[in-house]
C-alpha atoms as a PDB file:
ATOM      1  CA  MET A   1      36.732  47.993 114.915  1.00  0.00           C
ATOM      2  CA  LYS A   2      35.856  46.539 111.505  1.00  0.00           C
ATOM      3  CA  ILE A   3      38.197  49.039 109.845  1.00  0.00           C
ATOM      4  CA  LYS A   4      41.137  47.780 111.932  1.00  0.00           C
ATOM      5  CA  TYR A   5      40.503  44.203 110.821  1.00  0.00           C
ATOM      6  CA  LEU A   6      40.083  45.262 107.192  1.00  0.00           C
ATOM      7  CA  SER A   7      43.394  47.141 107.263  1.00  0.00           C
ATOM      8  CA  PHE A   8      45.172  44.160 108.810  1.00  0.00           C
ATOM      9  CA  LEU A   9      43.695  41.725 106.291  1.00  0.00           C
ATOM     10  CA  THR A  10      44.608  43.989 103.374  1.00  0.00           C
ATOM     11  CA  LEU A  11      48.237  44.258 104.500  1.00  0.00           C
ATOM     12  CA  PHE A  12      48.419  40.519 105.141  1.00  0.00           C
ATOM     13  CA  ALA A  13      47.049  39.781 101.664  1.00  0.00           C
ATOM     14  CA  LEU A  14      49.528  42.127  99.989  1.00  0.00           C
ATOM     15  CA  PHE A  15      52.542  40.598 101.722  1.00  0.00           C
ATOM     16  CA  SER A  16      51.283  37.077 101.128  1.00  0.00           C
ATOM     17  CA  CYS A  17      50.921  37.639  97.394  1.00  0.00           C
ATOM     18  CA  ASN A  18      54.485  38.855  97.004  1.00  0.00           C
ATOM     19  CA  ASP A  19      55.930  35.862  98.851  1.00  0.00           C
ATOM     20  CA  ASP A  20      53.732  33.407  96.971  1.00  0.00           C
ATOM     21  CA  ASP A  21      54.777  34.807  93.583  1.00  0.00           C
ATOM     22  CA  LYS A  22      58.469  34.350  94.403  1.00  0.00           C
ATOM     23  CA  GLU A  23      57.946  30.813  95.642  1.00  0.00           C
ATOM     24  CA  LYS A  24      55.944  29.850  92.561  1.00  0.00           C
ATOM     25  CA  SER A  25      58.482  30.954  89.943  1.00  0.00           C
ATOM     26  CA  VAL A  26      61.715  29.407  88.758  1.00  0.00           C
ATOM     27  CA  ASP A  27      64.419  30.589  86.352  1.00  0.00           C
ATOM     28  CA  VAL A  28      65.121  28.488  83.279  1.00  0.00           C
ATOM     29  CA  TYR A  29      67.735  29.016  80.594  1.00  0.00           C
ATOM     30  CA  ILE A  30      68.511  27.941  77.054  1.00  0.00           C
ATOM     31  CA  SER A  31      71.674  28.478  75.025  1.00  0.00           C
ATOM     32  CA  ASN A  32      71.547  31.170  72.390  1.00  0.00           C
ATOM     33  CA  GLY A  33      73.735  28.918  70.213  1.00  0.00           C
ATOM     34  CA  LYS A  34      76.557  31.443  69.859  1.00  0.00           C
ATOM     35  CA  LEU A  35      79.886  29.890  68.904  1.00  0.00           C
ATOM     36  CA  GLN A  36      83.282  31.569  69.081  1.00  0.00           C
ATOM     37  CA  CYS A  37      84.426  33.337  65.876  1.00  0.00           C
ATOM     38  CA  GLN A  38      80.880  33.159  64.472  1.00  0.00           C
ATOM     39  CA  ASP A  39      77.950  35.535  64.360  1.00  0.00           C
ATOM     40  CA  ASN A  40      75.299  32.871  64.804  1.00  0.00           C
ATOM     41  CA  ALA A  41      73.470  33.689  68.055  1.00  0.00           C
ATOM     42  CA  ILE A  42      69.740  32.991  68.143  1.00  0.00           C
ATOM     43  CA  PRO A  43      67.804  36.200  68.963  1.00  0.00           C
ATOM     44  CA  ILE A  44      66.018  36.297  72.319  1.00  0.00           C
ATOM     45  CA  ASN A  45      62.688  36.743  70.507  1.00  0.00           C
ATOM     46  CA  THR A  46      63.188  33.307  68.956  1.00  0.00           C
ATOM     47  CA  THR A  47      63.760  31.510  72.250  1.00  0.00           C
ATOM     48  CA  LYS A  48      60.891  33.522  73.754  1.00  0.00           C
ATOM     49  CA  SER A  49      58.634  32.061  71.053  1.00  0.00           C
ATOM     50  CA  TYR A  50      59.623  28.534  72.131  1.00  0.00           C
ATOM     51  CA  LEU A  51      57.940  29.238  75.472  1.00  0.00           C
ATOM     52  CA  THR A  52      54.928  31.115  74.154  1.00  0.00           C
ATOM     53  CA  ASP A  53      54.281  28.509  71.432  1.00  0.00           C
ATOM     54  CA  ALA A  54      54.229  25.861  74.188  1.00  0.00           C
ATOM     55  CA  GLY A  55      51.738  27.929  76.187  1.00  0.00           C
ATOM     56  CA  ILE A  56      54.276  28.815  78.882  1.00  0.00           C
ATOM     57  CA  GLU A  57      54.050  32.325  80.285  1.00  0.00           C
ATOM     58  CA  PHE A  58      57.077  34.100  81.752  1.00  0.00           C
ATOM     59  CA  SER A  59      57.363  37.103  84.034  1.00  0.00           C
ATOM     60  CA  GLU A  60      60.941  38.153  83.266  1.00  0.00           C
ATOM     61  CA  GLN A  61      63.501  37.638  80.531  1.00  0.00           C
ATOM     62  CA  SER A  62      67.212  38.383  80.423  1.00  0.00           C
ATOM     63  CA  CYS A  63      70.502  37.315  78.909  1.00  0.00           C
ATOM     64  CA  GLY A  64      73.454  35.830  80.703  1.00  0.00           C
ATOM     65  CA  ILE A  65      76.726  33.973  80.528  1.00  0.00           C
ATOM     66  CA  ILE A  66      77.261  30.697  82.366  1.00  0.00           C
ATOM     67  CA  ASN A  67      80.110  30.887  84.896  1.00  0.00           C
ATOM     68  CA  ALA A  68      82.359  28.254  83.356  1.00  0.00           C
ATOM     69  CA  VAL A  69      85.652  28.115  81.480  1.00  0.00           C
ATOM     70  CA  TYR A  70      85.399  27.733  77.719  1.00  0.00           C
ATOM     71  CA  PRO A  71      88.592  26.992  75.755  1.00  0.00           C
ATOM     72  CA  ALA A  72      89.420  29.739  73.261  1.00  0.00           C
ATOM     73  CA  VAL A  73      88.856  27.967  69.951  1.00  0.00           C
ATOM     74  CA  CYS A  74      86.859  28.973  66.898  1.00  0.00           C
ATOM     75  CA  GLY A  75      83.637  26.991  66.847  1.00  0.00           C
ATOM     76  CA  GLY A  76      83.735  26.448  70.604  1.00  0.00           C
ATOM     77  CA  GLY A  77      80.932  27.343  72.972  1.00  0.00           C
ATOM     78  CA  THR A  78      80.522  30.714  74.655  1.00  0.00           C
ATOM     79  CA  GLY A  79      78.123  29.957  77.499  1.00  0.00           C
ATOM     80  CA  GLN A  80      75.710  32.663  76.375  1.00  0.00           C
ATOM     81  CA  VAL A  81      72.120  31.952  77.427  1.00  0.00           C
ATOM     82  CA  HIS A  82      68.628  33.402  77.524  1.00  0.00           C
ATOM     83  CA  ILE A  83      66.981  33.271  80.953  1.00  0.00           C
ATOM     84  CA  TYR A  84      63.266  33.340  81.751  1.00  0.00           C
ATOM     85  CA  SER A  85      61.279  33.298  85.002  1.00  0.00           C
ATOM     86  CA  ILE A  86      58.387  30.865  84.660  1.00  0.00           C
ATOM     87  CA  SER A  87      55.874  29.203  86.956  1.00  0.00           C
ATOM     88  CA  LYS A  88      57.135  26.105  88.768  1.00  0.00           C
ATOM     89  CA  ASP A  89      54.070  24.375  87.360  1.00  0.00           C
ATOM     90  CA  ASP A  90      55.560  24.752  83.841  1.00  0.00           C
ATOM     91  CA  ILE A  91      59.047  23.377  84.559  1.00  0.00           C
ATOM     92  CA  ASN A  92      58.392  19.959  82.978  1.00  0.00           C
ATOM     93  CA  SER A  93      56.972  21.511  79.823  1.00  0.00           C
ATOM     94  CA  ALA A  94      59.929  23.905  79.566  1.00  0.00           C
ATOM     95  CA  THR A  95      62.406  21.069  80.068  1.00  0.00           C
ATOM     96  CA  ASN A  96      60.683  19.075  77.320  1.00  0.00           C
ATOM     97  CA  ILE A  97      61.327  21.881  74.806  1.00  0.00           C
ATOM     98  CA  GLY A  98      65.016  22.339  75.671  1.00  0.00           C
ATOM     99  CA  PHE A  99      65.161  24.636  78.695  1.00  0.00           C
ATOM    100  CA  THR A 100      67.090  23.808  81.869  1.00  0.00           C
ATOM    101  CA  GLU A 101      66.428  24.967  85.409  1.00  0.00           C
ATOM    102  CA  ALA A 102      69.037  27.637  86.250  1.00  0.00           C
ATOM    103  CA  SER A 103      69.504  26.310  89.786  1.00  0.00           C
ATOM    104  CA  THR A 104      71.269  23.263  88.280  1.00  0.00           C
ATOM    105  CA  LEU A 105      74.205  25.412  87.168  1.00  0.00           C
ATOM    106  CA  GLU A 106      76.985  24.518  89.588  1.00  0.00           C
ATOM    107  CA  ASP A 107      78.712  27.899  89.316  1.00  0.00           C
ATOM    108  CA  GLY A 108      75.643  29.918  88.330  1.00  0.00           C
ATOM    109  CA  TYR A 109      75.577  32.611  85.680  1.00  0.00           C
ATOM    110  CA  GLN A 110      76.089  36.341  85.267  1.00  0.00           C
ATOM    111  CA  SER A 111      73.288  38.479  83.917  1.00  0.00           C
ATOM    112  CA  THR A 112      74.256  40.668  80.976  1.00  0.00           C
ATOM    113  CA  ASP A 113      72.589  43.181  78.734  1.00  0.00           C
ATOM    114  CA  CYS A 114      71.153  41.339  75.753  1.00  0.00           C
ATOM    115  CA  ASP A 115      72.550  43.967  73.400  1.00  0.00           C
ATOM    116  CA  SER A 116      76.096  43.358  74.646  1.00  0.00           C
ATOM    117  CA  LEU A 117      76.126  39.725  73.522  1.00  0.00           C
END
């Protein structure tokens, strides 16, 4: 009988952890600074250091492009961003160093391969 309860508790704990982790994280983004007609993008390792230097841990990192229209003009923006999954507890600290919560993007973003940017 004790084995049945142990099995149930183990399964419950495993499923609970997965749900809790998803609810405790949030995606934030920061521009990579890339401008049209220029080769000036900030490497993802640089923006990653902004978080780590502030003591903010992240579970995932990726690149993306904000779903918005950018006029085709040299020196204009491109909407290229670096995206990180961080703890909800760190959102204020991340915002203070220039990151923005991805859920605030009205039209969202598309994930891309960092090498393709």
